[in-house]
Structures are given as C-alpha cells and as structure tokens.
Amino acid sequence: MSASAYIKLVPGSSKETITTEEVKELFNYYKTITEKTGDQLDWDYSKNAFPYEIKETEEGRGKWMYLQSKADRYNVILLGVDQEKVFDNDEHERIQTYIQLTLPQASTYGDKGKANEFSKFLAKKLKGELHLFNNRIMYFYPRK
C-alpha cells in the first residue's frame, strides 16, 4: 500500500514551522476532544478514535515518529517533519516546513482511513495545504 500525504505549512498557515513535539501535542488534544465526545455519547470513543500509541526511536527523535496499534484492523502509520525549498510566485526562494504521513507496506485500509482523518485534523488546526494520498489538494488556509 505504501503511500504518502503531506501537510505543507504555507505563508497563510497559523505556523511557519512545527516540531514533532508539537505534533504530539496536537494528537494529545485530538485524544482529549474525542474523549469528551465519548463522554457525551456515554461510549468509550477515545480508544476507537485514536487506536494508536505514539512511539519514537533514538535515531528518529525530533525528525519522525510512528503510530503503532495493537487493535484489530490497524497496524502502523509513520509521521515525519521536514523542510523543503520552494519558489513563490515572485520567484523568491523560501524554506517550507511540511508534515509527511506515510503508510508502509504493513499498513491496513483502517490505517489509511485514520491517516486521512488525522491529516485533515492537523491541516485544519495548522491552516495548512493538505496533499492527500490520492494526489488531490485541500486548502485550509485563507486564500486570496
């Protein structure tokens, strides 16, 4: 299945750069709001909404992490933060930060659904430009 989606932090985004620690904080916020939704519905929704554990390796610390699941129908999603050089419309070069969500071969269709859900959540919170797994683009920042 190996595929990637990208959340690019463009000039209209709420942040210009982001770290893996800030991404972890956003996932913790996601867990909190889904837990509150579950409380309102009187259902343990948080375990179904986020069936993963956030894990980091020593060599990946600060650059990438992965979401590992022991739940049925879920396996793994990789997340990384990096930067790239891009050119504006005026041909000015700038550095752009992006978050990459990758589904390795071991990922399931459940992982792909959750990765789409998480990427949309992160893109909305950061007001970014989301490049989905199917190569379509969603814009969550104010456009001119």
C-alpha atoms as a PDB file:
ATOM      1  CA  MET A   1       0.000   0.000   0.000  1.00  0.00           C
ATOM      2  CA  SER A   2       2.972   2.367   0.563  1.00  0.00           C
ATOM      3  CA  ALA A   3       1.718   5.940   0.029  1.00  0.00           C
ATOM      4  CA  SER A   4       2.282   9.423   1.495  1.00  0.00           C
ATOM      5  CA  ALA A   5       0.219  12.504   2.311  1.00  0.00           C
ATOM      6  CA  TYR A   6       1.723  15.921   3.094  1.00  0.00           C
ATOM      7  CA  ILE A   7       0.590  18.877   5.180  1.00  0.00           C
ATOM      8  CA  LYS A   8       2.515  21.895   3.930  1.00  0.00           C
ATOM      9  CA  LEU A   9       2.815  24.985   6.109  1.00  0.00           C
ATOM     10  CA  VAL A  10       2.379  27.810   3.613  1.00  0.00           C
ATOM     11  CA  PRO A  11       2.613  31.588   4.295  1.00  0.00           C
ATOM     12  CA  GLY A  12      -1.128  31.684   5.153  1.00  0.00           C
ATOM     13  CA  SER A  13      -0.781  28.949   7.791  1.00  0.00           C
ATOM     14  CA  SER A  14      -1.087  29.566  11.521  1.00  0.00           C
ATOM     15  CA  LYS A  15       2.561  28.442  11.964  1.00  0.00           C
ATOM     16  CA  GLU A  16       5.600  28.630   9.708  1.00  0.00           C
ATOM     17  CA  THR A  17       7.423  25.696  11.338  1.00  0.00           C
ATOM     18  CA  ILE A  18       6.492  22.766  13.556  1.00  0.00           C
ATOM     19  CA  THR A  19       8.328  20.116  15.561  1.00  0.00           C
ATOM     20  CA  THR A  20       7.455  16.502  16.299  1.00  0.00           C
ATOM     21  CA  GLU A  21       6.747  17.514  19.909  1.00  0.00           C
ATOM     22  CA  GLU A  22       4.117  19.990  18.700  1.00  0.00           C
ATOM     23  CA  VAL A  23       2.581  17.274  16.514  1.00  0.00           C
ATOM     24  CA  LYS A  24       2.410  15.020  19.596  1.00  0.00           C
ATOM     25  CA  GLU A  25       0.640  17.838  21.479  1.00  0.00           C
ATOM     26  CA  LEU A  26      -1.902  18.101  18.655  1.00  0.00           C
ATOM     27  CA  PHE A  27      -2.528  14.344  18.863  1.00  0.00           C
ATOM     28  CA  ASN A  28      -2.987  14.638  22.638  1.00  0.00           C
ATOM     29  CA  TYR A  29      -5.502  17.420  22.002  1.00  0.00           C
ATOM     30  CA  TYR A  30      -7.254  15.133  19.481  1.00  0.00           C
ATOM     31  CA  LYS A  31      -7.446  12.386  22.115  1.00  0.00           C
ATOM     32  CA  THR A  32      -8.905  14.855  24.637  1.00  0.00           C
ATOM     33  CA  ILE A  33     -11.655  16.130  22.357  1.00  0.00           C
ATOM     34  CA  THR A  34     -12.633  12.634  21.212  1.00  0.00           C
ATOM     35  CA  GLU A  35     -12.729  11.527  24.855  1.00  0.00           C
ATOM     36  CA  LYS A  36     -15.138  14.399  25.609  1.00  0.00           C
ATOM     37  CA  THR A  37     -17.273  13.348  22.641  1.00  0.00           C
ATOM     38  CA  GLY A  38     -17.342   9.825  24.060  1.00  0.00           C
ATOM     39  CA  ASP A  39     -18.411  11.154  27.477  1.00  0.00           C
ATOM     40  CA  GLN A  40     -21.316  12.984  25.845  1.00  0.00           C
ATOM     41  CA  LEU A  41     -22.346   9.830  23.991  1.00  0.00           C
ATOM     42  CA  ASP A  42     -21.723   7.587  27.036  1.00  0.00           C
ATOM     43  CA  TRP A  43     -19.369   5.451  24.943  1.00  0.00           C
ATOM     44  CA  ASP A  44     -15.613   4.795  25.152  1.00  0.00           C
ATOM     45  CA  TYR A  45     -14.994   6.596  21.868  1.00  0.00           C
ATOM     46  CA  SER A  46     -11.391   7.675  22.520  1.00  0.00           C
ATOM     47  CA  LYS A  47      -9.970   4.143  22.069  1.00  0.00           C
ATOM     48  CA  ASN A  48     -11.729   3.825  18.723  1.00  0.00           C
ATOM     49  CA  ALA A  49     -10.916   7.360  17.571  1.00  0.00           C
ATOM     50  CA  PHE A  50      -7.188   7.011  18.314  1.00  0.00           C
ATOM     51  CA  PRO A  51      -6.258   3.300  18.471  1.00  0.00           C
ATOM     52  CA  TYR A  52      -2.512   4.015  18.392  1.00  0.00           C
ATOM     53  CA  GLU A  53       0.472   4.525  20.656  1.00  0.00           C
ATOM     54  CA  ILE A  54       2.914   7.280  19.672  1.00  0.00           C
ATOM     55  CA  LYS A  55       6.433   5.850  19.521  1.00  0.00           C
ATOM     56  CA  GLU A  56       9.839   7.307  18.677  1.00  0.00           C
ATOM     57  CA  THR A  57      13.200   5.711  18.092  1.00  0.00           C
ATOM     58  CA  GLU A  58      16.529   7.191  19.196  1.00  0.00           C
ATOM     59  CA  GLU A  59      17.693   7.895  15.640  1.00  0.00           C
ATOM     60  CA  GLY A  60      14.332   9.397  14.644  1.00  0.00           C
ATOM     61  CA  ARG A  61      13.900  11.670  17.658  1.00  0.00           C
ATOM     62  CA  GLY A  62      12.918  15.147  16.523  1.00  0.00           C
ATOM     63  CA  LYS A  63      12.516  14.103  12.860  1.00  0.00           C
ATOM     64  CA  TRP A  64       9.993  11.266  12.718  1.00  0.00           C
ATOM     65  CA  MET A  65       7.797   9.010  14.828  1.00  0.00           C
ATOM     66  CA  TYR A  66       5.263   6.299  14.238  1.00  0.00           C
ATOM     67  CA  LEU A  67       1.802   5.380  15.421  1.00  0.00           C
ATOM     68  CA  GLN A  68       1.642   1.690  16.364  1.00  0.00           C
ATOM     69  CA  SER A  69      -1.630  -0.110  17.049  1.00  0.00           C
ATOM     70  CA  LYS A  70      -2.470  -3.420  18.649  1.00  0.00           C
ATOM     71  CA  ALA A  71      -6.152  -3.037  17.746  1.00  0.00           C
ATOM     72  CA  ASP A  72      -7.812  -5.181  15.123  1.00  0.00           C
ATOM     73  CA  ARG A  73      -7.731  -3.691  11.561  1.00  0.00           C
ATOM     74  CA  TYR A  74      -4.925  -1.217  12.424  1.00  0.00           C
ATOM     75  CA  ASN A  75      -1.150  -1.565  12.297  1.00  0.00           C
ATOM     76  CA  VAL A  76       1.180   1.413  11.689  1.00  0.00           C
ATOM     77  CA  ILE A  77       1.382   4.985  10.347  1.00  0.00           C
ATOM     78  CA  LEU A  78       4.701   6.857  10.001  1.00  0.00           C
ATOM     79  CA  LEU A  79       4.908  10.633  10.597  1.00  0.00           C
ATOM     80  CA  GLY A  80       7.820  12.905   9.814  1.00  0.00           C
ATOM     81  CA  VAL A  81       8.559  16.632   9.879  1.00  0.00           C
ATOM     82  CA  ASP A  82      10.956  18.119   7.330  1.00  0.00           C
ATOM     83  CA  GLN A  83      11.653  21.218   5.253  1.00  0.00           C
ATOM     84  CA  GLU A  84      11.971  21.890   1.531  1.00  0.00           C
ATOM     85  CA  LYS A  85      12.966  24.818  -0.679  1.00  0.00           C
ATOM     86  CA  VAL A  86      10.118  26.260  -2.734  1.00  0.00           C
ATOM     87  CA  PHE A  87       9.698  29.255  -5.011  1.00  0.00           C
ATOM     88  CA  ASP A  88       6.917  31.818  -4.590  1.00  0.00           C
ATOM     89  CA  ASN A  89       5.002  33.343  -7.479  1.00  0.00           C
ATOM     90  CA  ASP A  90       7.574  36.158  -7.461  1.00  0.00           C
ATOM     91  CA  GLU A  91      10.377  33.576  -7.876  1.00  0.00           C
ATOM     92  CA  HIS A  92      11.595  34.204  -4.311  1.00  0.00           C
ATOM     93  CA  GLU A  93      13.051  31.129  -2.679  1.00  0.00           C
ATOM     94  CA  ARG A  94      11.834  30.231   0.804  1.00  0.00           C
ATOM     95  CA  ILE A  95      12.016  27.284   3.179  1.00  0.00           C
ATOM     96  CA  GLN A  96       8.716  25.475   3.741  1.00  0.00           C
ATOM     97  CA  THR A  97       8.030  23.020   6.556  1.00  0.00           C
ATOM     98  CA  TYR A  98       5.810  20.004   5.971  1.00  0.00           C
ATOM     99  CA  ILE A  99       4.452  17.008   7.855  1.00  0.00           C
ATOM    100  CA  GLN A 100       4.537  13.711   5.978  1.00  0.00           C
ATOM    101  CA  LEU A 101       2.209  10.830   6.829  1.00  0.00           C
ATOM    102  CA  THR A 102       3.367   7.574   5.249  1.00  0.00           C
ATOM    103  CA  LEU A 103       1.585   4.252   5.037  1.00  0.00           C
ATOM    104  CA  PRO A 104       4.231   1.496   4.726  1.00  0.00           C
ATOM    105  CA  GLN A 105       3.519  -1.904   3.161  1.00  0.00           C
ATOM    106  CA  ALA A 106       2.398  -3.264   6.539  1.00  0.00           C
ATOM    107  CA  SER A 107      -0.410  -0.685   6.832  1.00  0.00           C
ATOM    108  CA  THR A 108      -4.049  -1.666   6.513  1.00  0.00           C
ATOM    109  CA  TYR A 109      -7.061   0.072   4.994  1.00  0.00           C
ATOM    110  CA  GLY A 110      -8.040   1.013   8.545  1.00  0.00           C
ATOM    111  CA  ASP A 111      -4.704   2.834   8.845  1.00  0.00           C
ATOM    112  CA  LYS A 112      -5.386   4.660   5.592  1.00  0.00           C
ATOM    113  CA  GLY A 113      -8.763   5.838   6.871  1.00  0.00           C
ATOM    114  CA  LYS A 114      -7.251   7.035  10.146  1.00  0.00           C
ATOM    115  CA  ALA A 115      -4.326   8.690   8.328  1.00  0.00           C
ATOM    116  CA  ASN A 116      -6.821  10.625   6.166  1.00  0.00           C
ATOM    117  CA  GLU A 117      -8.732  11.636   9.293  1.00  0.00           C
ATOM    118  CA  PHE A 118      -5.577  12.709  11.159  1.00  0.00           C
ATOM    119  CA  SER A 119      -4.144  14.592   8.179  1.00  0.00           C
ATOM    120  CA  LYS A 120      -7.365  16.593   7.786  1.00  0.00           C
ATOM    121  CA  PHE A 121      -7.406  17.342  11.514  1.00  0.00           C
ATOM    122  CA  LEU A 122      -3.770  18.522  11.508  1.00  0.00           C
ATOM    123  CA  ALA A 123      -4.243  20.570   8.329  1.00  0.00           C
ATOM    124  CA  LYS A 124      -7.306  22.314   9.797  1.00  0.00           C
ATOM    125  CA  LYS A 125      -5.563  23.089  13.092  1.00  0.00           C
ATOM    126  CA  LEU A 126      -2.448  24.415  11.339  1.00  0.00           C
ATOM    127  CA  LYS A 127      -4.338  26.059   8.439  1.00  0.00           C
ATOM    128  CA  GLY A 128      -2.120  24.200   6.017  1.00  0.00           C
ATOM    129  CA  GLU A 129      -2.241  22.837   2.492  1.00  0.00           C
ATOM    130  CA  LEU A 130      -3.064  19.133   2.509  1.00  0.00           C
ATOM    131  CA  HIS A 131      -1.824  16.888  -0.301  1.00  0.00           C
ATOM    132  CA  LEU A 132      -3.863  13.707   0.115  1.00  0.00           C
ATOM    133  CA  PHE A 133      -2.865  10.116  -0.680  1.00  0.00           C
ATOM    134  CA  ASN A 134      -4.839  10.318  -3.948  1.00  0.00           C
ATOM    135  CA  ASN A 135      -2.818  13.418  -5.045  1.00  0.00           C
ATOM    136  CA  ARG A 136      -5.711  15.823  -4.519  1.00  0.00           C
ATOM    137  CA  ILE A 137      -5.125  19.055  -2.621  1.00  0.00           C
ATOM    138  CA  MET A 138      -7.266  20.561   0.146  1.00  0.00           C
ATOM    139  CA  TYR A 139      -6.654  24.166   1.219  1.00  0.00           C
ATOM    140  CA  PHE A 140      -7.314  25.038   4.865  1.00  0.00           C
ATOM    141  CA  TYR A 141      -5.711  28.486   4.860  1.00  0.00           C
ATOM    142  CA  PRO A 142      -7.309  31.780   3.800  1.00  0.00           C
ATOM    143  CA  ARG A 143      -6.739  32.191   0.067  1.00  0.00           C
ATOM    144  CA  LYS A 144      -6.680  35.415  -1.907  1.00  0.00           C
END
